[in-house]
């Protein structure tokens, strides 16, 4: 497996379907989850469950304290992945996903994404596009997998394809 890291802003350029190879992988930059992230996501989503909002309640749970919302982790993972630039101007649509929450992400955890190409499938009916399946792992600062799944993204093919 070849692993690339985030590209800087000056070199961002999307990849066409034909430029993806099974096994190709990227590691994103990391991001520390803050109390502000949790509070802002609660306000955005309307999910004020005490597991996220009440430290005294959450301390008495198996988690030992407040945890970040699972969908919030997914949202941050999407943001981290977008900074790679591989979809810039070449992705047509995010088609769907499978997603599993393996372990919680707490305030103060630092997460990053490992994304690997699992499948590249040109469209049979529309030759100008196809779908890339990515295996996605969200890992914390201890390299533990917190979330995992697959993302299905439609990409343009290069004009010469």
Protein backbone atom coordinates (compact mmCIF):
# COMPACT_ATOMS: atom_id res chain seq x y z
CA UNK A 1 0.00 0.00 0.00
CA UNK A 2 1.32 3.42 -0.96
CA UNK A 3 0.34 6.10 1.54
CA UNK A 4 0.32 9.79 0.76
CA UNK A 5 -0.16 12.62 3.23
CA UNK A 6 -2.18 15.80 2.86
CA UNK A 7 -1.11 18.03 0.05
CA UNK A 8 -0.52 21.71 0.61
CA UNK A 9 -2.89 24.30 -0.85
CA UNK A 10 -0.59 25.11 -3.78
CA UNK A 11 -0.65 21.54 -5.08
CA UNK A 12 -4.29 20.70 -4.60
CA UNK A 13 -5.75 19.11 -7.67
CA UNK A 14 -8.48 16.55 -7.96
CA UNK A 15 -7.88 13.09 -9.34
CA UNK A 16 -9.88 11.63 -12.20
CA UNK A 17 -11.35 8.13 -11.94
CA UNK A 18 -8.53 6.71 -14.08
CA UNK A 19 -5.89 8.04 -11.68
CA UNK A 20 -7.06 5.90 -8.74
CA UNK A 21 -5.49 2.51 -8.09
CA UNK A 22 -6.73 -0.14 -5.68
CA UNK A 23 -4.55 0.02 -2.57
CA UNK A 24 -3.66 3.68 -3.03
CA UNK A 25 -3.99 5.41 0.35
CA UNK A 26 -3.86 8.80 2.03
CA UNK A 27 -3.48 9.95 5.62
CA UNK A 28 -5.06 13.28 6.50
CA UNK A 29 -3.82 15.90 8.86
CA UNK A 30 -4.99 15.47 12.45
CA UNK A 31 -7.51 17.53 14.40
CA UNK A 32 -8.12 17.70 18.14
CA UNK A 33 -11.78 17.56 19.17
CA UNK A 34 -12.67 20.42 21.50
CA UNK A 35 -15.51 21.24 23.84
CA UNK A 36 -16.54 23.90 21.31
CA UNK A 37 -16.83 21.22 18.62
CA UNK A 38 -19.16 19.20 20.84
CA UNK A 39 -21.30 22.17 21.85
CA UNK A 40 -21.51 23.47 18.27
CA UNK A 41 -22.49 20.06 16.92
CA UNK A 42 -25.16 19.69 19.61
CA UNK A 43 -26.60 23.05 18.57
CA UNK A 44 -26.47 22.18 14.88
CA UNK A 45 -27.98 18.72 15.27
CA UNK A 46 -30.31 19.34 18.21
CA UNK A 47 -28.80 16.32 20.00
CA UNK A 48 -28.42 17.42 23.61
CA UNK A 49 -28.21 13.91 25.07
CA UNK A 50 -26.63 14.06 28.54
CA UNK A 51 -23.89 11.70 27.34
CA UNK A 52 -22.63 14.65 25.30
CA UNK A 53 -23.72 17.60 27.44
CA UNK A 54 -23.71 16.60 31.14
CA UNK A 55 -20.26 15.79 32.53
CA UNK A 56 -21.61 14.47 35.85
CA UNK A 57 -24.02 12.12 34.10
CA UNK A 58 -21.45 11.02 31.52
CA UNK A 59 -18.80 10.37 34.18
CA UNK A 60 -21.06 7.64 35.61
CA UNK A 61 -21.32 5.83 32.25
CA UNK A 62 -18.98 3.26 30.73
CA UNK A 63 -17.30 6.14 28.88
CA UNK A 64 -16.18 7.97 32.04
CA UNK A 65 -17.02 11.39 30.62
CA UNK A 66 -18.66 13.24 27.78
CA UNK A 67 -18.08 11.93 24.26
CA UNK A 68 -18.36 13.61 20.89
CA UNK A 69 -21.41 12.77 18.81
CA UNK A 70 -20.85 9.88 16.37
CA UNK A 71 -22.23 11.87 13.42
CA UNK A 72 -19.95 14.72 14.51
CA UNK A 73 -16.93 12.43 14.15
CA UNK A 74 -18.15 11.50 10.67
CA UNK A 75 -18.54 15.20 9.79
CA UNK A 76 -15.01 16.00 10.97
CA UNK A 77 -13.68 12.99 9.02
CA UNK A 78 -15.31 14.32 5.84
CA UNK A 79 -13.72 17.71 6.47
CA UNK A 80 -10.28 16.24 7.08
CA UNK A 81 -10.55 14.12 3.94
CA UNK A 82 -11.69 17.07 1.84
CA UNK A 83 -8.43 18.87 2.68
CA UNK A 84 -6.54 16.19 0.74
CA UNK A 85 -7.83 17.83 -2.44
CA UNK A 86 -8.28 14.58 -4.36
CA UNK A 87 -11.94 15.35 -5.12
CA UNK A 88 -11.46 19.01 -6.07
CA UNK A 89 -13.29 19.62 -9.37
CA UNK A 90 -13.33 15.91 -10.29
CA UNK A 91 -15.85 14.42 -7.86
CA UNK A 92 -19.42 14.48 -9.13
CA UNK A 93 -21.28 13.16 -6.08
CA UNK A 94 -20.94 11.47 -2.72
CA UNK A 95 -23.20 8.46 -3.30
CA UNK A 96 -23.37 6.85 0.11
CA UNK A 97 -21.54 5.04 2.83
CA UNK A 98 -21.42 2.27 5.35
CA UNK A 99 -20.28 3.42 8.79
CA UNK A 100 -19.46 1.69 12.06
CA UNK A 101 -18.71 3.34 15.39
CA UNK A 102 -16.03 1.22 17.06
CA UNK A 103 -14.99 3.34 20.04
CA UNK A 104 -15.93 6.78 21.33
CA UNK A 105 -14.11 10.00 20.60
CA UNK A 106 -13.73 12.20 23.67
CA UNK A 107 -13.02 15.88 24.04
CA UNK A 108 -9.26 16.20 23.72
CA UNK A 109 -8.85 13.23 21.36
CA UNK A 110 -6.91 13.97 18.19
CA UNK A 111 -8.24 12.17 15.13
CA UNK A 112 -7.08 11.64 11.58
CA UNK A 113 -8.37 9.65 8.60
CA UNK A 114 -6.72 6.82 6.70
CA UNK A 115 -8.46 6.41 3.34
CA UNK A 116 -7.64 3.55 0.96
CA UNK A 117 -9.00 2.86 -2.53
CA UNK A 118 -10.90 -0.45 -2.34
CA UNK A 119 -12.47 -0.48 -5.81
CA UNK A 120 -12.53 1.59 -9.02
CA UNK A 121 -15.52 0.92 -11.23
CA UNK A 122 -16.10 2.77 -14.52
CA UNK A 123 -19.75 3.34 -15.39
CA UNK A 124 -21.15 1.08 -18.11
CA UNK A 125 -23.89 3.47 -19.14
CA UNK A 126 -21.99 6.78 -18.84
CA UNK A 127 -18.39 6.46 -20.04
CA UNK A 128 -17.41 9.91 -18.72
CA UNK A 129 -17.61 8.77 -15.07
CA UNK A 130 -17.34 5.99 -12.52
CA UNK A 131 -17.37 5.16 -8.83
CA UNK A 132 -14.49 4.84 -6.40
CA UNK A 133 -15.07 2.89 -3.18
CA UNK A 134 -12.84 4.02 -0.32
CA UNK A 135 -12.14 2.07 2.86
CA UNK A 136 -12.03 4.69 5.62
CA UNK A 137 -10.61 4.50 9.13
CA UNK A 138 -10.85 7.29 11.71
CA UNK A 139 -8.00 6.83 14.17
CA UNK A 140 -7.18 8.59 17.42
CA UNK A 141 -3.85 9.72 18.85
CA UNK A 142 -3.19 6.18 20.12
CA UNK A 143 -3.68 4.81 16.57
CA UNK A 144 -6.89 3.09 17.71
CA UNK A 145 -9.68 2.83 15.14
CA UNK A 146 -12.67 4.83 16.38
CA UNK A 147 -14.88 4.67 13.29
CA UNK A 148 -14.63 2.70 10.06
CA UNK A 149 -16.58 2.29 6.89
CA UNK A 150 -16.70 2.79 3.17
CA UNK A 151 -17.47 5.87 1.12
CA UNK A 152 -18.78 5.65 -2.43
CA UNK A 153 -17.88 8.65 -4.61
CA UNK A 154 -18.63 9.28 -8.29
CA UNK A 155 -15.74 10.84 -10.22
CA UNK A 156 -15.27 12.24 -13.68
CA UNK A 157 -12.99 10.43 -16.08
CA UNK A 158 -10.24 12.36 -17.82
CA UNK A 159 -11.36 13.78 -21.18
CA UNK A 160 -8.95 11.48 -23.03
CA UNK A 161 -10.51 8.32 -21.52
